[in-house]
Amino acid sequence: MAIPTPINAQKLDTFAQVLGGLLPAFLLYMFVPILYNTVYRIVKEKESKTRESMKMMGLTDPSYWMSWFVFYTIQNLIITTLAWIVLLINVFEYTNVGEIWLYIFLYGEAIFG
């Protein structure tokens, strides 16, 4: 005779528990090389005093920082889309795919900020 199960019984999903702890770390590790490379280039540009020579030619501060923001955003877009495609294969089957992409993209932009 089978043991009856309660109607509202929940199944224990160990994959979701493990993913809940590891996914933020993997997302952080995914963006660290891009952030490191961007900071390295900004410091290298400061050491070579390229920014000062561009300022002498008429470059303003907002346009300088906007160029770095656009450069990082393009890299973030590529990395986010690739990670999103990988996560859609079997990880997020029943989730709104647009929200997942937006969350990963905004997370990458927040790391740059």
PDB file of N, CA and C in Angstrom:
ATOM      1  N   MET A   1       0.839  -1.173   0.000  1.00  0.00           N
ATOM      2  CA  MET A   1       0.000   0.000   0.000  1.00  0.00           C
ATOM      3  C   MET A   1       0.888   1.242   0.000  1.00  0.00           C
ATOM      4  N   ALA A   2       0.594   2.181  -0.897  1.00  0.00           N
ATOM      5  CA  ALA A   2       1.395   3.397  -1.026  1.00  0.00           C
ATOM      6  C   ALA A   2       1.054   4.384   0.078  1.00  0.00           C
ATOM      7  N   ILE A   3       2.061   5.106   0.493  1.00  0.00           N
ATOM      8  CA  ILE A   3       1.857   6.119   1.531  1.00  0.00           C
ATOM      9  C   ILE A   3       1.319   7.375   0.852  1.00  0.00           C
ATOM     10  N   PRO A   4       0.194   7.895   1.280  1.00  0.00           N
ATOM     11  CA  PRO A   4      -0.351   9.111   0.646  1.00  0.00           C
ATOM     12  C   PRO A   4       0.516  10.318   0.974  1.00  0.00           C
ATOM     13  N   THR A   5       0.668  11.175  -0.015  1.00  0.00           N
ATOM     14  CA  THR A   5       1.453  12.401   0.191  1.00  0.00           C
ATOM     15  C   THR A   5       0.503  13.576   0.321  1.00  0.00           C
ATOM     16  N   PRO A   6       0.871  14.543   1.103  1.00  0.00           N
ATOM     17  CA  PRO A   6       0.024  15.728   1.254  1.00  0.00           C
ATOM     18  C   PRO A   6      -0.137  16.454  -0.090  1.00  0.00           C
ATOM     19  N   ILE A   7      -1.229  17.141  -0.240  1.00  0.00           N
ATOM     20  CA  ILE A   7      -1.515  17.844  -1.498  1.00  0.00           C
ATOM     21  C   ILE A   7      -0.516  18.968  -1.737  1.00  0.00           C
ATOM     22  N   ASN A   8      -0.128  19.697  -0.739  1.00  0.00           N
ATOM     23  CA  ASN A   8       0.763  20.844  -0.868  1.00  0.00           C
ATOM     24  C   ASN A   8       2.227  20.480  -0.609  1.00  0.00           C
ATOM     25  N   ALA A   9       2.584  19.250  -0.776  1.00  0.00           N
ATOM     26  CA  ALA A   9       3.963  18.833  -0.520  1.00  0.00           C
ATOM     27  C   ALA A   9       4.894  19.462  -1.551  1.00  0.00           C
ATOM     28  N   GLN A  10       6.044  19.912  -1.099  1.00  0.00           N
ATOM     29  CA  GLN A  10       7.026  20.528  -1.982  1.00  0.00           C
ATOM     30  C   GLN A  10       8.189  19.576  -2.171  1.00  0.00           C
ATOM     31  N   LYS A  11       8.716  19.565  -3.385  1.00  0.00           N
ATOM     32  CA  LYS A  11       9.881  18.740  -3.666  1.00  0.00           C
ATOM     33  C   LYS A  11      11.137  19.555  -3.369  1.00  0.00           C
ATOM     34  N   LEU A  12      12.134  18.892  -2.841  1.00  0.00           N
ATOM     35  CA  LEU A  12      13.402  19.536  -2.541  1.00  0.00           C
ATOM     36  C   LEU A  12      14.242  19.574  -3.809  1.00  0.00           C
ATOM     37  N   ASP A  13      14.588  20.760  -4.261  1.00  0.00           N
ATOM     38  CA  ASP A  13      15.378  20.932  -5.480  1.00  0.00           C
ATOM     39  C   ASP A  13      16.796  21.340  -5.084  1.00  0.00           C
ATOM     40  N   THR A  14      17.686  20.378  -5.037  1.00  0.00           N
ATOM     41  CA  THR A  14      19.059  20.670  -4.613  1.00  0.00           C
ATOM     42  C   THR A  14      19.804  21.480  -5.660  1.00  0.00           C
ATOM     43  N   PHE A  15      19.486  21.296  -6.949  1.00  0.00           N
ATOM     44  CA  PHE A  15      20.150  22.072  -7.995  1.00  0.00           C
ATOM     45  C   PHE A  15      19.869  23.565  -7.817  1.00  0.00           C
ATOM     46  N   ALA A  16      18.633  23.923  -7.483  1.00  0.00           N
ATOM     47  CA  ALA A  16      18.292  25.333  -7.277  1.00  0.00           C
ATOM     48  C   ALA A  16      19.007  25.899  -6.052  1.00  0.00           C
ATOM     49  N   GLN A  17      19.177  25.094  -5.026  1.00  0.00           N
ATOM     50  CA  GLN A  17      19.887  25.568  -3.840  1.00  0.00           C
ATOM     51  C   GLN A  17      21.362  25.806  -4.136  1.00  0.00           C
ATOM     52  N   VAL A  18      21.985  24.893  -4.861  1.00  0.00           N
ATOM     53  CA  VAL A  18      23.397  25.052  -5.209  1.00  0.00           C
ATOM     54  C   VAL A  18      23.571  26.240  -6.160  1.00  0.00           C
ATOM     55  N   LEU A  19      22.682  26.356  -7.145  1.00  0.00           N
ATOM     56  CA  LEU A  19      22.758  27.453  -8.105  1.00  0.00           C
ATOM     57  C   LEU A  19      22.554  28.797  -7.426  1.00  0.00           C
ATOM     58  N   GLY A  20      21.695  28.848  -6.436  1.00  0.00           N
ATOM     59  CA  GLY A  20      21.458  30.089  -5.707  1.00  0.00           C
ATOM     60  C   GLY A  20      22.696  30.584  -4.988  1.00  0.00           C
ATOM     61  N   GLY A  21      23.558  29.690  -4.586  1.00  0.00           N
ATOM     62  CA  GLY A  21      24.785  30.095  -3.909  1.00  0.00           C
ATOM     63  C   GLY A  21      25.949  30.349  -4.848  1.00  0.00           C
ATOM     64  N   LEU A  22      25.997  29.639  -5.967  1.00  0.00           N
ATOM     65  CA  LEU A  22      27.146  29.742  -6.862  1.00  0.00           C
ATOM     66  C   LEU A  22      26.970  30.710  -8.024  1.00  0.00           C
ATOM     67  N   LEU A  23      25.740  30.953  -8.465  1.00  0.00           N
ATOM     68  CA  LEU A  23      25.532  31.814  -9.626  1.00  0.00           C
ATOM     69  C   LEU A  23      26.049  33.237  -9.424  1.00  0.00           C
ATOM     70  N   PRO A  24      25.821  33.885  -8.271  1.00  0.00           N
ATOM     71  CA  PRO A  24      26.392  35.228  -8.088  1.00  0.00           C
ATOM     72  C   PRO A  24      27.923  35.238  -8.169  1.00  0.00           C
ATOM     73  N   ALA A  25      28.559  34.218  -7.643  1.00  0.00           N
ATOM     74  CA  ALA A  25      30.021  34.160  -7.713  1.00  0.00           C
ATOM     75  C   ALA A  25      30.492  33.979  -9.152  1.00  0.00           C
ATOM     76  N   PHE A  26      29.821  33.121  -9.905  1.00  0.00           N
ATOM     77  CA  PHE A  26      30.192  32.921 -11.302  1.00  0.00           C
ATOM     78  C   PHE A  26      29.960  34.181 -12.128  1.00  0.00           C
ATOM     79  N   LEU A  27      28.876  34.903 -11.843  1.00  0.00           N
ATOM     80  CA  LEU A  27      28.633  36.156 -12.562  1.00  0.00           C
ATOM     81  C   LEU A  27      29.715  37.176 -12.241  1.00  0.00           C
ATOM     82  N   LEU A  28      30.141  37.231 -10.997  1.00  0.00           N
ATOM     83  CA  LEU A  28      31.215  38.154 -10.631  1.00  0.00           C
ATOM     84  C   LEU A  28      32.507  37.778 -11.333  1.00  0.00           C
ATOM     85  N   TYR A  29      32.855  36.489 -11.341  1.00  0.00           N
ATOM     86  CA  TYR A  29      34.079  36.045 -12.000  1.00  0.00           C
ATOM     87  C   TYR A  29      34.019  36.267 -13.508  1.00  0.00           C
ATOM     88  N   MET A  30      32.831  36.289 -14.057  1.00  0.00           N
ATOM     89  CA  MET A  30      32.668  36.508 -15.489  1.00  0.00           C
ATOM     90  C   MET A  30      33.036  37.947 -15.866  1.00  0.00           C
ATOM     91  N   PHE A  31      32.761  38.904 -14.992  1.00  0.00           N
ATOM     92  CA  PHE A  31      33.010  40.309 -15.309  1.00  0.00           C
ATOM     93  C   PHE A  31      34.349  40.824 -14.803  1.00  0.00           C
ATOM     94  N   VAL A  32      35.028  40.096 -13.941  1.00  0.00           N
ATOM     95  CA  VAL A  32      36.293  40.569 -13.378  1.00  0.00           C
ATOM     96  C   VAL A  32      37.378  40.794 -14.437  1.00  0.00           C
ATOM     97  N   PRO A  33      37.584  39.892 -15.408  1.00  0.00           N
ATOM     98  CA  PRO A  33      38.632  40.160 -16.403  1.00  0.00           C
ATOM     99  C   PRO A  33      38.360  41.408 -17.246  1.00  0.00           C
ATOM    100  N   ILE A  34      37.113  41.652 -17.579  1.00  0.00           N
ATOM    101  CA  ILE A  34      36.785  42.849 -18.358  1.00  0.00           C
ATOM    102  C   ILE A  34      37.046  44.101 -17.534  1.00  0.00           C
ATOM    103  N   LEU A  35      36.632  44.082 -16.283  1.00  0.00           N
ATOM    104  CA  LEU A  35      36.848  45.231 -15.411  1.00  0.00           C
ATOM    105  C   LEU A  35      38.336  45.456 -15.179  1.00  0.00           C
ATOM    106  N   TYR A  36      39.081  44.391 -14.964  1.00  0.00           N
ATOM    107  CA  TYR A  36      40.525  44.501 -14.772  1.00  0.00           C
ATOM    108  C   TYR A  36      41.172  45.127 -16.006  1.00  0.00           C
ATOM    109  N   ASN A  37      40.797  44.660 -17.181  1.00  0.00           N
ATOM    110  CA  ASN A  37      41.366  45.176 -18.420  1.00  0.00           C
ATOM    111  C   ASN A  37      41.034  46.654 -18.606  1.00  0.00           C
ATOM    112  N   THR A  38      39.810  47.048 -18.300  1.00  0.00           N
ATOM    113  CA  THR A  38      39.411  48.449 -18.446  1.00  0.00           C
ATOM    114  C   THR A  38      40.175  49.343 -17.480  1.00  0.00           C
ATOM    115  N   VAL A  39      40.286  48.936 -16.227  1.00  0.00           N
ATOM    116  CA  VAL A  39      41.028  49.726 -15.239  1.00  0.00           C
ATOM    117  C   VAL A  39      42.505  49.803 -15.623  1.00  0.00           C
ATOM    118  N   TYR A  40      43.055  48.701 -16.117  1.00  0.00           N
ATOM    119  CA  TYR A  40      44.451  48.687 -16.549  1.00  0.00           C
ATOM    120  C   TYR A  40      44.677  49.696 -17.682  1.00  0.00           C
ATOM    121  N   ARG A  41      43.749  49.736 -18.634  1.00  0.00           N
ATOM    122  CA  ARG A  41      43.900  50.669 -19.755  1.00  0.00           C
ATOM    123  C   ARG A  41      43.762  52.122 -19.311  1.00  0.00           C
ATOM    124  N   ILE A  42      42.862  52.382 -18.364  1.00  0.00           N
ATOM    125  CA  ILE A  42      42.696  53.754 -17.866  1.00  0.00           C
ATOM    126  C   ILE A  42      43.958  54.199 -17.146  1.00  0.00           C
ATOM    127  N   VAL A  43      44.534  53.334 -16.311  1.00  0.00           N
ATOM    128  CA  VAL A  43      45.761  53.682 -15.589  1.00  0.00           C
ATOM    129  C   VAL A  43      46.927  53.843 -16.553  1.00  0.00           C
ATOM    130  N   LYS A  44      47.016  52.969 -17.539  1.00  0.00           N
ATOM    131  CA  LYS A  44      48.092  53.073 -18.528  1.00  0.00           C
ATOM    132  C   LYS A  44      47.972  54.375 -19.318  1.00  0.00           C
ATOM    133  N   GLU A  45      46.755  54.761 -19.637  1.00  0.00           N
ATOM    134  CA  GLU A  45      46.538  56.017 -20.347  1.00  0.00           C
ATOM    135  C   GLU A  45      46.921  57.208 -19.472  1.00  0.00           C
ATOM    136  N   LYS A  46      46.666  57.097 -18.180  1.00  0.00           N
ATOM    137  CA  LYS A  46      47.035  58.177 -17.271  1.00  0.00           C
ATOM    138  C   LYS A  46      48.560  58.282 -17.133  1.00  0.00           C
ATOM    139  N   GLU A  47      49.243  57.143 -17.101  1.00  0.00           N
ATOM    140  CA  GLU A  47      50.700  57.147 -17.006  1.00  0.00           C
ATOM    141  C   GLU A  47      51.351  57.751 -18.249  1.00  0.00           C
ATOM    142  N   SER A  48      50.778  57.467 -19.399  1.00  0.00           N
ATOM    143  CA  SER A  48      51.370  57.988 -20.630  1.00  0.00           C
ATOM    144  C   SER A  48      50.933  59.420 -20.929  1.00  0.00           C
ATOM    145  N   LYS A  49      50.069  59.974 -20.085  1.00  0.00           N
ATOM    146  CA  LYS A  49      49.572  61.345 -20.192  1.00  0.00           C
ATOM    147  C   LYS A  49      48.898  61.618 -21.528  1.00  0.00           C
ATOM    148  N   THR A  50      48.254  60.593 -22.056  1.00  0.00           N
ATOM    149  CA  THR A  50      47.502  60.757 -23.303  1.00  0.00           C
ATOM    150  C   THR A  50      46.287  61.639 -23.079  1.00  0.00           C
ATOM    151  N   ARG A  51      45.680  61.514 -21.932  1.00  0.00           N
ATOM    152  CA  ARG A  51      44.492  62.311 -21.635  1.00  0.00           C
ATOM    153  C   ARG A  51      44.815  63.798 -21.614  1.00  0.00           C
ATOM    154  N   GLU A  52      45.950  64.157 -21.036  1.00  0.00           N
ATOM    155  CA  GLU A  52      46.321  65.568 -20.977  1.00  0.00           C
ATOM    156  C   GLU A  52      46.558  66.129 -22.375  1.00  0.00           C
ATOM    157  N   SER A  53      47.181  65.344 -23.241  1.00  0.00           N
ATOM    158  CA  SER A  53      47.405  65.833 -24.606  1.00  0.00           C
ATOM    159  C   SER A  53      46.077  65.949 -25.361  1.00  0.00           C
ATOM    160  N   MET A  54      45.133  65.039 -25.086  1.00  0.00           N
ATOM    161  CA  MET A  54      43.820  65.158 -25.718  1.00  0.00           C
ATOM    162  C   MET A  54      43.065  66.358 -25.176  1.00  0.00           C
ATOM    163  N   LYS A  55      43.261  66.687 -23.884  1.00  0.00           N
ATOM    164  CA  LYS A  55      42.625  67.880 -23.307  1.00  0.00           C
ATOM    165  C   LYS A  55      43.157  69.152 -23.969  1.00  0.00           C
ATOM    166  N   MET A  56      44.459  69.151 -24.290  1.00  0.00           N
ATOM    167  CA  MET A  56      45.031  70.316 -24.968  1.00  0.00           C
ATOM    168  C   MET A  56      44.422  70.514 -26.357  1.00  0.00           C
ATOM    169  N   MET A  57      43.985  69.404 -26.949  1.00  0.00           N
ATOM    170  CA  MET A  57      43.382  69.483 -28.276  1.00  0.00           C
ATOM    171  C   MET A  57      41.876  69.725 -28.213  1.00  0.00           C
ATOM    172  N   GLY A  58      41.296  69.858 -27.004  1.00  0.00           N
ATOM    173  CA  GLY A  58      39.898  70.227 -26.875  1.00  0.00           C
ATOM    174  C   GLY A  58      38.972  69.165 -26.326  1.00  0.00           C
ATOM    175  N   LEU A  59      39.502  68.062 -25.824  1.00  0.00           N
ATOM    176  CA  LEU A  59      38.656  67.008 -25.250  1.00  0.00           C
ATOM    177  C   LEU A  59      38.104  67.460 -23.911  1.00  0.00           C
ATOM    178  N   THR A  60      36.818  67.248 -23.701  1.00  0.00           N
ATOM    179  CA  THR A  60      36.206  67.581 -22.412  1.00  0.00           C
ATOM    180  C   THR A  60      36.094  66.323 -21.551  1.00  0.00           C
ATOM    181  N   ASP A  61      35.953  66.522 -20.241  1.00  0.00           N
ATOM    182  CA  ASP A  61      35.862  65.385 -19.321  1.00  0.00           C
ATOM    183  C   ASP A  61      34.645  64.495 -19.586  1.00  0.00           C
ATOM    184  N   PRO A  62      33.435  65.075 -19.797  1.00  0.00           N
ATOM    185  CA  PRO A  62      32.290  64.176 -20.055  1.00  0.00           C
ATOM    186  C   PRO A  62      32.474  63.305 -21.302  1.00  0.00           C
ATOM    187  N   SER A  63      33.039  63.845 -22.354  1.00  0.00           N
ATOM    188  CA  SER A  63      33.220  63.030 -23.553  1.00  0.00           C
ATOM    189  C   SER A  63      34.283  61.951 -23.331  1.00  0.00           C
ATOM    190  N   TYR A  64      35.295  62.252 -22.533  1.00  0.00           N
ATOM    191  CA  TYR A  64      36.325  61.252 -22.220  1.00  0.00           C
ATOM    192  C   TYR A  64      35.724  60.077 -21.462  1.00  0.00           C
ATOM    193  N   TRP A  65      34.979  60.373 -20.382  1.00  0.00           N
ATOM    194  CA  TRP A  65      34.407  59.301 -19.577  1.00  0.00           C
ATOM    195  C   TRP A  65      33.271  58.603 -20.296  1.00  0.00           C
ATOM    196  N   MET A  66      32.561  59.291 -21.180  1.00  0.00           N
ATOM    197  CA  MET A  66      31.509  58.653 -21.963  1.00  0.00           C
ATOM    198  C   MET A  66      32.111  57.635 -22.930  1.00  0.00           C
ATOM    199  N   SER A  67      33.291  57.933 -23.456  1.00  0.00           N
ATOM    200  CA  SER A  67      33.938  56.972 -24.358  1.00  0.00           C
ATOM    201  C   SER A  67      34.301  55.682 -23.613  1.00  0.00           C
ATOM    202  N   TRP A  68      34.791  55.814 -22.377  1.00  0.00           N
ATOM    203  CA  TRP A  68      35.096  54.618 -21.589  1.00  0.00           C
ATOM    204  C   TRP A  68      33.828  53.863 -21.231  1.00  0.00           C
ATOM    205  N   PHE A  69      32.744  54.593 -20.937  1.00  0.00           N
ATOM    206  CA  PHE A  69      31.473  53.952 -20.611  1.00  0.00           C
ATOM    207  C   PHE A  69      30.929  53.176 -21.813  1.00  0.00           C
ATOM    208  N   VAL A  70      30.991  53.764 -22.996  1.00  0.00           N
ATOM    209  CA  VAL A  70      30.512  53.082 -24.201  1.00  0.00           C
ATOM    210  C   VAL A  70      31.383  51.867 -24.500  1.00  0.00           C
ATOM    211  N   PHE A  71      32.686  51.992 -24.335  1.00  0.00           N
ATOM    212  CA  PHE A  71      33.616  50.885 -24.558  1.00  0.00           C
ATOM    213  C   PHE A  71      33.283  49.719 -23.635  1.00  0.00           C
ATOM    214  N   TYR A  72      33.066  49.994 -22.359  1.00  0.00           N
ATOM    215  CA  TYR A  72      32.742  48.931 -21.405  1.00  0.00           C
ATOM    216  C   TYR A  72      31.355  48.359 -21.679  1.00  0.00           C
ATOM    217  N   THR A  73      30.392  49.216 -22.044  1.00  0.00           N
ATOM    218  CA  THR A  73      29.036  48.741 -22.293  1.00  0.00           C
ATOM    219  C   THR A  73      28.989  47.782 -23.476  1.00  0.00           C
ATOM    220  N   ILE A  74      29.767  48.041 -24.506  1.00  0.00           N
ATOM    221  CA  ILE A  74      29.819  47.124 -25.647  1.00  0.00           C
ATOM    222  C   ILE A  74      30.390  45.772 -25.218  1.00  0.00           C
ATOM    223  N   GLN A  75      31.452  45.803 -24.426  1.00  0.00           N
ATOM    224  CA  GLN A  75      32.014  44.547 -23.922  1.00  0.00           C
ATOM    225  C   GLN A  75      31.005  43.833 -23.019  1.00  0.00           C
ATOM    226  N   ASN A  76      30.323  44.586 -22.180  1.00  0.00           N
ATOM    227  CA  ASN A  76      29.320  44.013 -21.283  1.00  0.00           C
ATOM    228  C   ASN A  76      28.189  43.389 -22.087  1.00  0.00           C
ATOM    229  N   LEU A  77      27.776  44.028 -23.154  1.00  0.00           N
ATOM    230  CA  LEU A  77      26.714  43.497 -24.007  1.00  0.00           C
ATOM    231  C   LEU A  77      27.096  42.143 -24.583  1.00  0.00           C
ATOM    232  N   ILE A  78      28.321  42.020 -25.058  1.00  0.00           N
ATOM    233  CA  ILE A  78      28.782  40.757 -25.659  1.00  0.00           C
ATOM    234  C   ILE A  78      28.854  39.654 -24.609  1.00  0.00           C
ATOM    235  N   ILE A  79      29.474  39.944 -23.472  1.00  0.00           N
ATOM    236  CA  ILE A  79      29.622  38.942 -22.411  1.00  0.00           C
ATOM    237  C   ILE A  79      28.256  38.552 -21.850  1.00  0.00           C
ATOM    238  N   THR A  80      27.379  39.514 -21.653  1.00  0.00           N
ATOM    239  CA  THR A  80      26.050  39.230 -21.131  1.00  0.00           C
ATOM    240  C   THR A  80      25.268  38.322 -22.068  1.00  0.00           C
ATOM    241  N   THR A  81      25.328  38.610 -23.362  1.00  0.00           N
ATOM    242  CA  THR A  81      24.584  37.804 -24.327  1.00  0.00           C
ATOM    243  C   THR A  81      25.124  36.379 -24.387  1.00  0.00           C
ATOM    244  N   LEU A  82      26.441  36.224 -24.345  1.00  0.00           N
ATOM    245  CA  LEU A  82      27.015  34.880 -24.355  1.00  0.00           C
ATOM    246  C   LEU A  82      26.641  34.100 -23.093  1.00  0.00           C
ATOM    247  N   ALA A  83      26.723  34.733 -21.948  1.00  0.00           N
ATOM    248  CA  ALA A  83      26.358  34.058 -20.688  1.00  0.00           C
ATOM    249  C   ALA A  83      24.878  33.731 -20.672  1.00  0.00           C
ATOM    250  N   TRP A  84      24.052  34.615 -21.195  1.00  0.00           N
ATOM    251  CA  TRP A  84      22.615  34.402 -21.259  1.00  0.00           C
ATOM    252  C   TRP A  84      22.276  33.187 -22.120  1.00  0.00           C
ATOM    253  N   ILE A  85      22.960  33.050 -23.259  1.00  0.00           N
ATOM    254  CA  ILE A  85      22.733  31.901 -24.140  1.00  0.00           C
ATOM    255  C   ILE A  85      23.116  30.604 -23.432  1.00  0.00           C
ATOM    256  N   VAL A  86      24.239  30.620 -22.725  1.00  0.00           N
ATOM    257  CA  VAL A  86      24.682  29.422 -22.008  1.00  0.00           C
ATOM    258  C   VAL A  86      23.687  29.066 -20.894  1.00  0.00           C
ATOM    259  N   LEU A  87      23.197  30.063 -20.171  1.00  0.00           N
ATOM    260  CA  LEU A  87      22.268  29.796 -19.070  1.00  0.00           C
ATOM    261  C   LEU A  87      20.892  29.364 -19.553  1.00  0.00           C
ATOM    262  N   LEU A  88      20.520  29.721 -20.780  1.00  0.00           N
ATOM    263  CA  LEU A  88      19.207  29.338 -21.292  1.00  0.00           C
ATOM    264  C   LEU A  88      19.132  27.872 -21.693  1.00  0.00           C
ATOM    265  N   ILE A  89      20.266  27.224 -21.898  1.00  0.00           N
ATOM    266  CA  ILE A  89      20.258  25.851 -22.401  1.00  0.00           C
ATOM    267  C   ILE A  89      19.496  24.920 -21.454  1.00  0.00           C
ATOM    268  N   ASN A  90      19.870  24.861 -20.202  1.00  0.00           N
ATOM    269  CA  ASN A  90      19.159  23.983 -19.263  1.00  0.00           C
ATOM    270  C   ASN A  90      18.966  24.588 -17.882  1.00  0.00           C
ATOM    271  N   VAL A  91      19.454  25.776 -17.651  1.00  0.00           N
ATOM    272  CA  VAL A  91      19.400  26.321 -16.299  1.00  0.00           C
ATOM    273  C   VAL A  91      18.082  27.060 -16.046  1.00  0.00           C
ATOM    274  N   PHE A  92      17.736  27.995 -16.913  1.00  0.00           N
ATOM    275  CA  PHE A  92      16.521  28.796 -16.727  1.00  0.00           C
ATOM    276  C   PHE A  92      15.497  28.427 -17.788  1.00  0.00           C
ATOM    277  N   GLU A  93      14.841  27.293 -17.605  1.00  0.00           N
ATOM    278  CA  GLU A  93      13.867  26.834 -18.592  1.00  0.00           C
ATOM    279  C   GLU A  93      12.519  27.527 -18.436  1.00  0.00           C
ATOM    280  N   TYR A  94      12.109  27.801 -17.226  1.00  0.00           N
ATOM    281  CA  TYR A  94      10.763  28.309 -16.973  1.00  0.00           C
ATOM    282  C   TYR A  94      10.774  29.758 -16.491  1.00  0.00           C
ATOM    283  N   THR A  95      11.731  30.536 -16.934  1.00  0.00           N
ATOM    284  CA  THR A  95      11.874  31.915 -16.504  1.00  0.00           C
ATOM    285  C   THR A  95      11.758  32.829 -17.713  1.00  0.00           C
ATOM    286  N   ASN A  96      11.332  34.044 -17.484  1.00  0.00           N
ATOM    287  CA  ASN A  96      11.254  35.024 -18.562  1.00  0.00           C
ATOM    288  C   ASN A  96      12.677  35.344 -19.023  1.00  0.00           C
ATOM    289  N   VAL A  97      12.970  35.053 -20.282  1.00  0.00           N
ATOM    290  CA  VAL A  97      14.340  35.176 -20.779  1.00  0.00           C
ATOM    291  C   VAL A  97      14.791  36.629 -20.852  1.00  0.00           C
ATOM    292  N   GLY A  98      13.876  37.553 -21.091  1.00  0.00           N
ATOM    293  CA  GLY A  98      14.232  38.969 -21.148  1.00  0.00           C
ATOM    294  C   GLY A  98      14.681  39.502 -19.795  1.00  0.00           C
ATOM    295  N   GLU A  99      14.019  39.054 -18.741  1.00  0.00           N
ATOM    296  CA  GLU A  99      14.398  39.491 -17.396  1.00  0.00           C
ATOM    297  C   GLU A  99      15.777  38.974 -17.016  1.00  0.00           C
ATOM    298  N   ILE A 100      16.069  37.748 -17.360  1.00  0.00           N
ATOM    299  CA  ILE A 100      17.389  37.182 -17.042  1.00  0.00           C
ATOM    300  C   ILE A 100      18.481  37.976 -17.731  1.00  0.00           C
ATOM    301  N   TRP A 101      18.283  38.276 -19.029  1.00  0.00           N
ATOM    302  CA  TRP A 101      19.284  39.057 -19.762  1.00  0.00           C
ATOM    303  C   TRP A 101      19.443  40.441 -19.138  1.00  0.00           C
ATOM    304  N   LEU A 102      18.334  41.077 -18.786  1.00  0.00           N
ATOM    305  CA  LEU A 102      18.383  42.418 -18.197  1.00  0.00           C
ATOM    306  C   LEU A 102      19.103  42.407 -16.851  1.00  0.00           C
ATOM    307  N   TYR A 103      18.834  41.397 -16.020  1.00  0.00           N
ATOM    308  CA  TYR A 103      19.492  41.318 -14.713  1.00  0.00           C
ATOM    309  C   TYR A 103      21.003  41.146 -14.870  1.00  0.00           C
ATOM    310  N   ILE A 104      21.423  40.287 -15.782  1.00  0.00           N
ATOM    311  CA  ILE A 104      22.858  40.074 -15.975  1.00  0.00           C
ATOM    312  C   ILE A 104      23.507  41.339 -16.534  1.00  0.00           C
ATOM    313  N   PHE A 105      22.849  41.993 -17.483  1.00  0.00           N
ATOM    314  CA  PHE A 105      23.391  43.220 -18.078  1.00  0.00           C
ATOM    315  C   PHE A 105      23.520  44.327 -17.036  1.00  0.00           C
ATOM    316  N   LEU A 106      22.480  44.537 -16.232  1.00  0.00           N
ATOM    317  CA  LEU A 106      22.533  45.575 -15.217  1.00  0.00           C
ATOM    318  C   LEU A 106      23.555  45.257 -14.126  1.00  0.00           C
ATOM    319  N   TYR A 107      23.739  43.986 -13.833  1.00  0.00           N
ATOM    320  CA  TYR A 107      24.767  43.579 -12.870  1.00  0.00           C
ATOM    321  C   TYR A 107      26.156  43.950 -13.390  1.00  0.00           C
ATOM    322  N   GLY A 108      26.397  43.696 -14.682  1.00  0.00           N
ATOM    323  CA  GLY A 108      27.676  44.072 -15.278  1.00  0.00           C
ATOM    324  C   GLY A 108      27.898  45.562 -15.292  1.00  0.00           C
ATOM    325  N   GLU A 109      26.850  46.333 -15.561  1.00  0.00           N
ATOM    326  CA  GLU A 109      26.973  47.796 -15.547  1.00  0.00           C
ATOM    327  C   GLU A 109      27.212  48.301 -14.128  1.00  0.00           C
ATOM    328  N   ALA A 110      26.588  47.685 -13.144  1.00  0.00           N
ATOM    329  CA  ALA A 110      26.797  48.095 -11.755  1.00  0.00           C
ATOM    330  C   ALA A 110      28.224  47.818 -11.303  1.00  0.00           C
ATOM    331  N   ILE A 111      28.799  46.735 -11.785  1.00  0.00           N
ATOM    332  CA  ILE A 111      30.192  46.447 -11.436  1.00  0.00           C
ATOM    333  C   ILE A 111      31.114  47.524 -11.997  1.00  0.00           C
ATOM    334  N   PHE A 112      30.834  47.990 -13.195  1.00  0.00           N
ATOM    335  CA  PHE A 112      31.649  49.064 -13.778  1.00  0.00           C
ATOM    336  C   PHE A 112      31.489  50.362 -12.989  1.00  0.00           C
ATOM    337  N   GLY A 113      30.281  50.605 -12.508  1.00  0.00           N
ATOM    338  CA  GLY A 113      30.012  51.844 -11.753  1.00  0.00           C
ATOM    339  C   GLY A 113      30.777  51.873 -10.466  1.00  0.00           C
TER     340      GLY A 113
END
